[in-house]
Amino acid sequence: QVQLVESGGGLVQAGGSLTLSCAVSGRTFSSFVMGWFRQVPGKEREFVAAIKWSGAIRYYGDSVKGRFTISRDYAKNTVYLQMNSLKAEDTAIYYCAADPNVRAGARNVHEYDYWGQGTQVTVSS
């Protein structure tokens, strides 16, 4: 079993930065893909970024490319989402996701088996 716990959300002004963390516990393997998604009320959960636990290749949604960076720390069993140049439309609940079998860069919520509880990010304009 895998547990994911997000942290780091909060209120930030437009143009500012925020870093989200996803602490991973339970079993992890090099084949795991870690993802970040976000959701606003009334809309579908949107792919933000993904990275393979063992790899360096990163994948990003079009709306965050060039502004957000996903990374992972082996020693801390943690995945990060560094968010820069934040916009009001980045306001959402951000979720960490993981799956041992999904292909790297998977963007569909149904491809991930494990999810965190989410952390709220609010960007004021």
N, C-alpha and C. Protein backbone atom coordinates (compact mmCIF):
# COMPACT_ATOMS: atom_id res chain seq x y z
N GLN A 1 0.84 -1.20 0.00
CA GLN A 1 0.00 0.00 0.00
C GLN A 1 0.87 1.24 0.00
N VAL A 2 0.40 2.27 -0.64
CA VAL A 2 1.13 3.52 -0.75
C VAL A 2 0.28 4.64 -0.17
N GLN A 3 0.88 5.47 0.65
CA GLN A 3 0.19 6.63 1.20
C GLN A 3 0.87 7.89 0.70
N LEU A 4 0.05 8.87 0.33
CA LEU A 4 0.53 10.15 -0.16
C LEU A 4 -0.06 11.26 0.68
N VAL A 5 0.79 12.17 1.14
CA VAL A 5 0.33 13.28 1.94
C VAL A 5 0.89 14.57 1.36
N GLU A 6 0.00 15.44 0.89
CA GLU A 6 0.43 16.72 0.33
C GLU A 6 0.52 17.78 1.42
N SER A 7 1.36 18.76 1.17
CA SER A 7 1.47 19.91 2.05
C SER A 7 2.04 21.08 1.24
N GLY A 8 1.96 22.27 1.83
CA GLY A 8 2.56 23.43 1.20
C GLY A 8 1.60 24.36 0.52
N GLY A 9 0.33 24.01 0.49
CA GLY A 9 -0.64 24.90 -0.13
C GLY A 9 -0.85 26.15 0.71
N GLY A 10 -1.53 27.13 0.12
CA GLY A 10 -1.81 28.36 0.84
C GLY A 10 -2.25 29.46 -0.08
N LEU A 11 -2.22 30.67 0.43
CA LEU A 11 -2.63 31.86 -0.30
C LEU A 11 -1.39 32.61 -0.77
N VAL A 12 -1.37 32.98 -2.04
CA VAL A 12 -0.21 33.69 -2.59
C VAL A 12 -0.72 34.70 -3.61
N GLN A 13 0.01 35.78 -3.77
CA GLN A 13 -0.38 36.79 -4.75
C GLN A 13 0.03 36.36 -6.15
N ALA A 14 -0.69 36.87 -7.13
CA ALA A 14 -0.35 36.59 -8.52
C ALA A 14 1.08 37.03 -8.79
N GLY A 15 1.80 36.18 -9.51
CA GLY A 15 3.21 36.45 -9.79
C GLY A 15 4.14 35.81 -8.78
N GLY A 16 3.59 35.35 -7.68
CA GLY A 16 4.40 34.75 -6.63
C GLY A 16 4.70 33.28 -6.88
N SER A 17 5.33 32.67 -5.88
CA SER A 17 5.75 31.27 -5.99
C SER A 17 5.29 30.48 -4.78
N LEU A 18 5.18 29.18 -4.98
CA LEU A 18 4.78 28.27 -3.92
C LEU A 18 5.35 26.90 -4.26
N THR A 19 5.74 26.15 -3.24
CA THR A 19 6.23 24.80 -3.46
C THR A 19 5.36 23.81 -2.70
N LEU A 20 4.81 22.86 -3.41
CA LEU A 20 4.02 21.80 -2.81
C LEU A 20 4.90 20.57 -2.60
N SER A 21 4.61 19.84 -1.53
CA SER A 21 5.33 18.61 -1.24
C SER A 21 4.35 17.45 -1.17
N CYS A 22 4.83 16.29 -1.55
CA CYS A 22 4.04 15.06 -1.46
C CYS A 22 4.92 14.01 -0.81
N ALA A 23 4.64 13.71 0.45
CA ALA A 23 5.40 12.70 1.17
C ALA A 23 4.83 11.33 0.85
N VAL A 24 5.71 10.42 0.44
CA VAL A 24 5.31 9.09 0.01
C VAL A 24 5.74 8.06 1.05
N SER A 25 4.82 7.23 1.49
CA SER A 25 5.16 6.15 2.41
C SER A 25 4.57 4.85 1.89
N GLY A 26 5.06 3.76 2.45
CA GLY A 26 4.66 2.46 1.91
C GLY A 26 5.69 2.03 0.88
N ARG A 27 5.33 1.12 0.05
CA ARG A 27 6.30 0.63 -0.92
C ARG A 27 6.44 1.60 -2.09
N THR A 28 7.64 1.74 -2.54
CA THR A 28 7.91 2.51 -3.76
C THR A 28 8.93 1.75 -4.58
N PHE A 29 8.76 1.76 -5.85
CA PHE A 29 9.68 1.09 -6.75
C PHE A 29 10.09 2.06 -7.85
N SER A 30 11.15 1.70 -8.51
CA SER A 30 11.66 2.58 -9.55
C SER A 30 10.66 2.75 -10.68
N SER A 31 9.71 1.82 -10.80
CA SER A 31 8.74 1.90 -11.88
C SER A 31 7.59 2.86 -11.59
N PHE A 32 7.52 3.33 -10.35
CA PHE A 32 6.43 4.23 -9.98
C PHE A 32 6.49 5.52 -10.79
N VAL A 33 5.32 5.97 -11.21
CA VAL A 33 5.18 7.30 -11.79
C VAL A 33 4.43 8.17 -10.79
N MET A 34 4.97 9.34 -10.54
CA MET A 34 4.36 10.30 -9.61
C MET A 34 3.78 11.46 -10.41
N GLY A 35 2.57 11.84 -10.05
CA GLY A 35 1.93 12.93 -10.78
C GLY A 35 1.31 13.96 -9.87
N TRP A 36 1.10 15.12 -10.42
CA TRP A 36 0.34 16.19 -9.76
C TRP A 36 -0.84 16.54 -10.66
N PHE A 37 -2.00 16.65 -10.03
CA PHE A 37 -3.22 17.07 -10.70
C PHE A 37 -3.83 18.21 -9.90
N ARG A 38 -4.77 18.90 -10.51
CA ARG A 38 -5.49 19.95 -9.79
C ARG A 38 -6.94 19.96 -10.23
N GLN A 39 -7.77 20.49 -9.34
CA GLN A 39 -9.20 20.50 -9.62
C GLN A 39 -9.85 21.70 -8.97
N VAL A 40 -10.74 22.32 -9.73
CA VAL A 40 -11.59 23.38 -9.21
C VAL A 40 -13.01 22.87 -9.21
N PRO A 41 -13.85 23.40 -8.32
CA PRO A 41 -15.24 22.90 -8.24
C PRO A 41 -15.96 22.99 -9.58
N GLY A 42 -16.62 21.91 -9.93
CA GLY A 42 -17.40 21.88 -11.16
C GLY A 42 -16.62 21.53 -12.40
N LYS A 43 -15.32 21.30 -12.24
CA LYS A 43 -14.49 20.95 -13.40
C LYS A 43 -13.79 19.61 -13.17
N GLU A 44 -13.34 19.01 -14.25
CA GLU A 44 -12.62 17.76 -14.15
C GLU A 44 -11.21 17.99 -13.59
N ARG A 45 -10.70 16.94 -12.99
CA ARG A 45 -9.34 17.01 -12.48
C ARG A 45 -8.36 17.11 -13.66
N GLU A 46 -7.45 18.07 -13.55
CA GLU A 46 -6.56 18.40 -14.66
C GLU A 46 -5.14 17.94 -14.39
N PHE A 47 -4.51 17.37 -15.38
CA PHE A 47 -3.12 16.96 -15.27
C PHE A 47 -2.23 18.19 -15.18
N VAL A 48 -1.27 18.15 -14.25
CA VAL A 48 -0.33 19.25 -14.08
C VAL A 48 1.08 18.83 -14.46
N ALA A 49 1.56 17.74 -13.85
CA ALA A 49 2.94 17.32 -14.11
C ALA A 49 3.11 15.86 -13.68
N ALA A 50 4.14 15.21 -14.22
CA ALA A 50 4.44 13.84 -13.83
C ALA A 50 5.92 13.57 -14.01
N ILE A 51 6.40 12.61 -13.22
CA ILE A 51 7.79 12.21 -13.29
C ILE A 51 7.89 10.75 -12.88
N LYS A 52 8.75 9.99 -13.53
CA LYS A 52 8.98 8.63 -13.11
C LYS A 52 9.94 8.65 -11.94
N TRP A 53 9.66 7.85 -10.92
CA TRP A 53 10.44 7.89 -9.70
C TRP A 53 11.93 7.73 -9.97
N SER A 54 12.26 6.88 -10.93
CA SER A 54 13.67 6.60 -11.20
C SER A 54 14.24 7.43 -12.34
N GLY A 55 13.42 8.17 -13.00
CA GLY A 55 13.90 8.83 -14.20
C GLY A 55 14.00 10.33 -14.07
N ALA A 56 14.59 10.95 -15.04
CA ALA A 56 14.77 12.38 -15.05
C ALA A 56 13.78 13.08 -15.97
N ILE A 57 13.03 12.29 -16.76
CA ILE A 57 12.12 12.92 -17.72
C ILE A 57 10.90 13.42 -16.98
N ARG A 58 10.53 14.64 -17.30
CA ARG A 58 9.38 15.28 -16.68
C ARG A 58 8.34 15.62 -17.75
N TYR A 59 7.09 15.60 -17.33
CA TYR A 59 5.99 15.91 -18.24
C TYR A 59 5.13 16.99 -17.61
N TYR A 60 4.62 17.90 -18.44
CA TYR A 60 3.84 19.02 -17.92
C TYR A 60 2.59 19.25 -18.77
N GLY A 61 1.56 19.73 -18.07
CA GLY A 61 0.39 20.19 -18.79
C GLY A 61 0.70 21.49 -19.51
N ASP A 62 0.00 21.75 -20.58
CA ASP A 62 0.28 22.93 -21.39
C ASP A 62 0.12 24.23 -20.60
N SER A 63 -0.82 24.25 -19.68
CA SER A 63 -1.10 25.49 -18.95
C SER A 63 -0.04 25.84 -17.92
N VAL A 64 0.83 24.92 -17.58
CA VAL A 64 1.85 25.19 -16.55
C VAL A 64 3.27 25.09 -17.09
N LYS A 65 3.40 24.65 -18.33
CA LYS A 65 4.73 24.45 -18.90
C LYS A 65 5.53 25.75 -18.86
N GLY A 66 6.76 25.66 -18.37
CA GLY A 66 7.61 26.83 -18.27
C GLY A 66 7.48 27.57 -16.94
N ARG A 67 6.46 27.24 -16.17
CA ARG A 67 6.26 27.91 -14.88
C ARG A 67 6.38 26.96 -13.70
N PHE A 68 5.99 25.71 -13.88
CA PHE A 68 6.03 24.73 -12.80
C PHE A 68 7.15 23.73 -13.06
N THR A 69 7.70 23.19 -11.96
CA THR A 69 8.74 22.18 -12.05
C THR A 69 8.45 21.05 -11.07
N ILE A 70 8.43 19.83 -11.56
CA ILE A 70 8.25 18.67 -10.69
C ILE A 70 9.62 18.04 -10.44
N SER A 71 9.82 17.59 -9.21
CA SER A 71 11.08 16.95 -8.86
C SER A 71 10.83 15.95 -7.74
N ARG A 72 11.84 15.12 -7.45
CA ARG A 72 11.69 14.16 -6.35
C ARG A 72 13.01 14.02 -5.61
N ASP A 73 12.88 13.71 -4.34
CA ASP A 73 14.04 13.54 -3.46
C ASP A 73 14.00 12.11 -2.94
N TYR A 74 14.95 11.29 -3.40
CA TYR A 74 14.97 9.88 -3.00
C TYR A 74 15.11 9.74 -1.48
N ALA A 75 16.02 10.49 -0.91
CA ALA A 75 16.32 10.34 0.52
C ALA A 75 15.12 10.67 1.39
N LYS A 76 14.31 11.63 0.94
CA LYS A 76 13.16 12.07 1.73
C LYS A 76 11.86 11.43 1.28
N ASN A 77 11.91 10.60 0.24
CA ASN A 77 10.70 9.97 -0.30
C ASN A 77 9.61 11.02 -0.55
N THR A 78 10.00 12.08 -1.20
CA THR A 78 9.10 13.21 -1.38
C THR A 78 9.16 13.70 -2.82
N VAL A 79 8.01 14.07 -3.33
CA VAL A 79 7.89 14.68 -4.65
C VAL A 79 7.47 16.13 -4.45
N TYR A 80 8.04 17.01 -5.24
CA TYR A 80 7.77 18.43 -5.10
C TYR A 80 7.16 18.99 -6.38
N LEU A 81 6.42 20.07 -6.20
CA LEU A 81 5.93 20.84 -7.34
C LEU A 81 6.25 22.30 -7.05
N GLN A 82 7.27 22.80 -7.72
CA GLN A 82 7.65 24.19 -7.59
C GLN A 82 6.82 25.00 -8.58
N MET A 83 6.07 25.97 -8.06
CA MET A 83 5.17 26.76 -8.90
C MET A 83 5.61 28.21 -8.89
N ASN A 84 5.97 28.72 -10.04
CA ASN A 84 6.40 30.11 -10.19
C ASN A 84 5.43 30.88 -11.08
N SER A 85 5.52 32.18 -11.02
CA SER A 85 4.68 33.06 -11.85
C SER A 85 3.22 32.64 -11.77
N LEU A 86 2.75 32.47 -10.57
CA LEU A 86 1.39 31.97 -10.37
C LEU A 86 0.35 32.97 -10.86
N LYS A 87 -0.73 32.40 -11.38
CA LYS A 87 -1.84 33.19 -11.91
C LYS A 87 -3.11 32.83 -11.14
N ALA A 88 -4.10 33.71 -11.23
CA ALA A 88 -5.36 33.45 -10.55
C ALA A 88 -5.97 32.12 -11.01
N GLU A 89 -5.78 31.79 -12.28
CA GLU A 89 -6.35 30.54 -12.80
C GLU A 89 -5.63 29.28 -12.33
N ASP A 90 -4.55 29.46 -11.58
CA ASP A 90 -3.89 28.31 -10.96
C ASP A 90 -4.56 27.91 -9.65
N THR A 91 -5.51 28.73 -9.20
CA THR A 91 -6.24 28.42 -7.97
C THR A 91 -6.99 27.11 -8.11
N ALA A 92 -6.73 26.18 -7.19
CA ALA A 92 -7.34 24.85 -7.26
C ALA A 92 -6.90 24.05 -6.04
N ILE A 93 -7.50 22.88 -5.90
CA ILE A 93 -6.98 21.89 -4.98
C ILE A 93 -5.99 21.03 -5.77
N TYR A 94 -4.80 20.90 -5.23
CA TYR A 94 -3.75 20.14 -5.91
C TYR A 94 -3.60 18.78 -5.25
N TYR A 95 -3.58 17.76 -6.09
CA TYR A 95 -3.49 16.38 -5.63
C TYR A 95 -2.22 15.70 -6.14
N CYS A 96 -1.64 14.92 -5.27
CA CYS A 96 -0.51 14.08 -5.64
C CYS A 96 -1.06 12.69 -6.00
N ALA A 97 -0.48 12.07 -7.00
CA ALA A 97 -0.94 10.76 -7.44
C ALA A 97 0.25 9.86 -7.74
N ALA A 98 0.02 8.55 -7.66
CA ALA A 98 1.09 7.60 -7.92
C ALA A 98 0.53 6.31 -8.50
N ASP A 99 1.35 5.65 -9.28
CA ASP A 99 0.95 4.34 -9.80
C ASP A 99 2.19 3.56 -10.19
N PRO A 100 2.22 2.26 -9.88
CA PRO A 100 3.40 1.46 -10.19
C PRO A 100 3.44 0.96 -11.63
N ASN A 101 2.32 1.04 -12.33
CA ASN A 101 2.25 0.41 -13.64
C ASN A 101 1.99 1.36 -14.80
N VAL A 102 1.63 2.58 -14.47
CA VAL A 102 1.26 3.50 -15.55
C VAL A 102 2.48 3.91 -16.36
N ARG A 103 2.26 4.26 -17.60
CA ARG A 103 3.37 4.70 -18.44
C ARG A 103 3.83 6.08 -17.97
N ALA A 104 5.06 6.38 -18.18
CA ALA A 104 5.60 7.68 -17.79
C ALA A 104 4.87 8.78 -18.55
N GLY A 105 4.48 9.81 -17.81
CA GLY A 105 3.80 10.92 -18.46
C GLY A 105 2.31 10.72 -18.61
N ALA A 106 1.75 9.73 -17.94
CA ALA A 106 0.31 9.48 -18.03
C ALA A 106 -0.45 10.70 -17.53
N ARG A 107 -1.50 11.09 -18.27
CA ARG A 107 -2.23 12.31 -17.96
C ARG A 107 -3.68 12.09 -17.56
N ASN A 108 -4.11 10.85 -17.56
CA ASN A 108 -5.50 10.54 -17.25
C ASN A 108 -5.62 10.15 -15.79
N VAL A 109 -6.57 10.75 -15.08
CA VAL A 109 -6.73 10.47 -13.65
C VAL A 109 -7.00 9.00 -13.40
N HIS A 110 -7.63 8.33 -14.35
CA HIS A 110 -8.00 6.94 -14.15
C HIS A 110 -6.80 6.00 -14.24
N GLU A 111 -5.67 6.52 -14.66
CA GLU A 111 -4.48 5.69 -14.77
C GLU A 111 -3.71 5.60 -13.46
N TYR A 112 -4.09 6.39 -12.49
CA TYR A 112 -3.37 6.42 -11.21
C TYR A 112 -4.20 5.75 -10.12
N ASP A 113 -3.58 4.86 -9.37
CA ASP A 113 -4.29 4.12 -8.32
C ASP A 113 -4.26 4.82 -6.97
N TYR A 114 -3.21 5.57 -6.70
CA TYR A 114 -3.04 6.13 -5.36
C TYR A 114 -3.13 7.66 -5.41
N TRP A 115 -3.84 8.22 -4.41
CA TRP A 115 -4.06 9.66 -4.37
C TRP A 115 -3.90 10.19 -2.97
N GLY A 116 -3.43 11.43 -2.87
CA GLY A 116 -3.40 12.12 -1.61
C GLY A 116 -4.73 12.80 -1.36
N GLN A 117 -4.81 13.51 -0.23
CA GLN A 117 -6.07 14.15 0.17
C GLN A 117 -6.23 15.53 -0.46
N GLY A 118 -5.16 16.07 -1.01
CA GLY A 118 -5.22 17.37 -1.67
C GLY A 118 -4.81 18.51 -0.76
N THR A 119 -4.32 19.57 -1.39
CA THR A 119 -3.95 20.78 -0.67
C THR A 119 -4.41 21.98 -1.49
N GLN A 120 -5.01 22.95 -0.81
CA GLN A 120 -5.60 24.10 -1.50
C GLN A 120 -4.54 25.14 -1.84
N VAL A 121 -4.57 25.59 -3.07
CA VAL A 121 -3.73 26.71 -3.51
C VAL A 121 -4.66 27.81 -4.01
N THR A 122 -4.50 28.98 -3.43
CA THR A 122 -5.31 30.12 -3.83
C THR A 122 -4.40 31.26 -4.26
N VAL A 123 -4.60 31.74 -5.48
CA VAL A 123 -3.78 32.83 -6.02
C VAL A 123 -4.67 34.05 -6.15
N SER A 124 -4.31 35.10 -5.43
CA SER A 124 -5.11 36.33 -5.48
C SER A 124 -4.58 37.25 -6.57
N SER A 125 -5.50 37.87 -7.28
CA SER A 125 -5.09 38.75 -8.39
C SER A 125 -5.09 40.20 -7.96
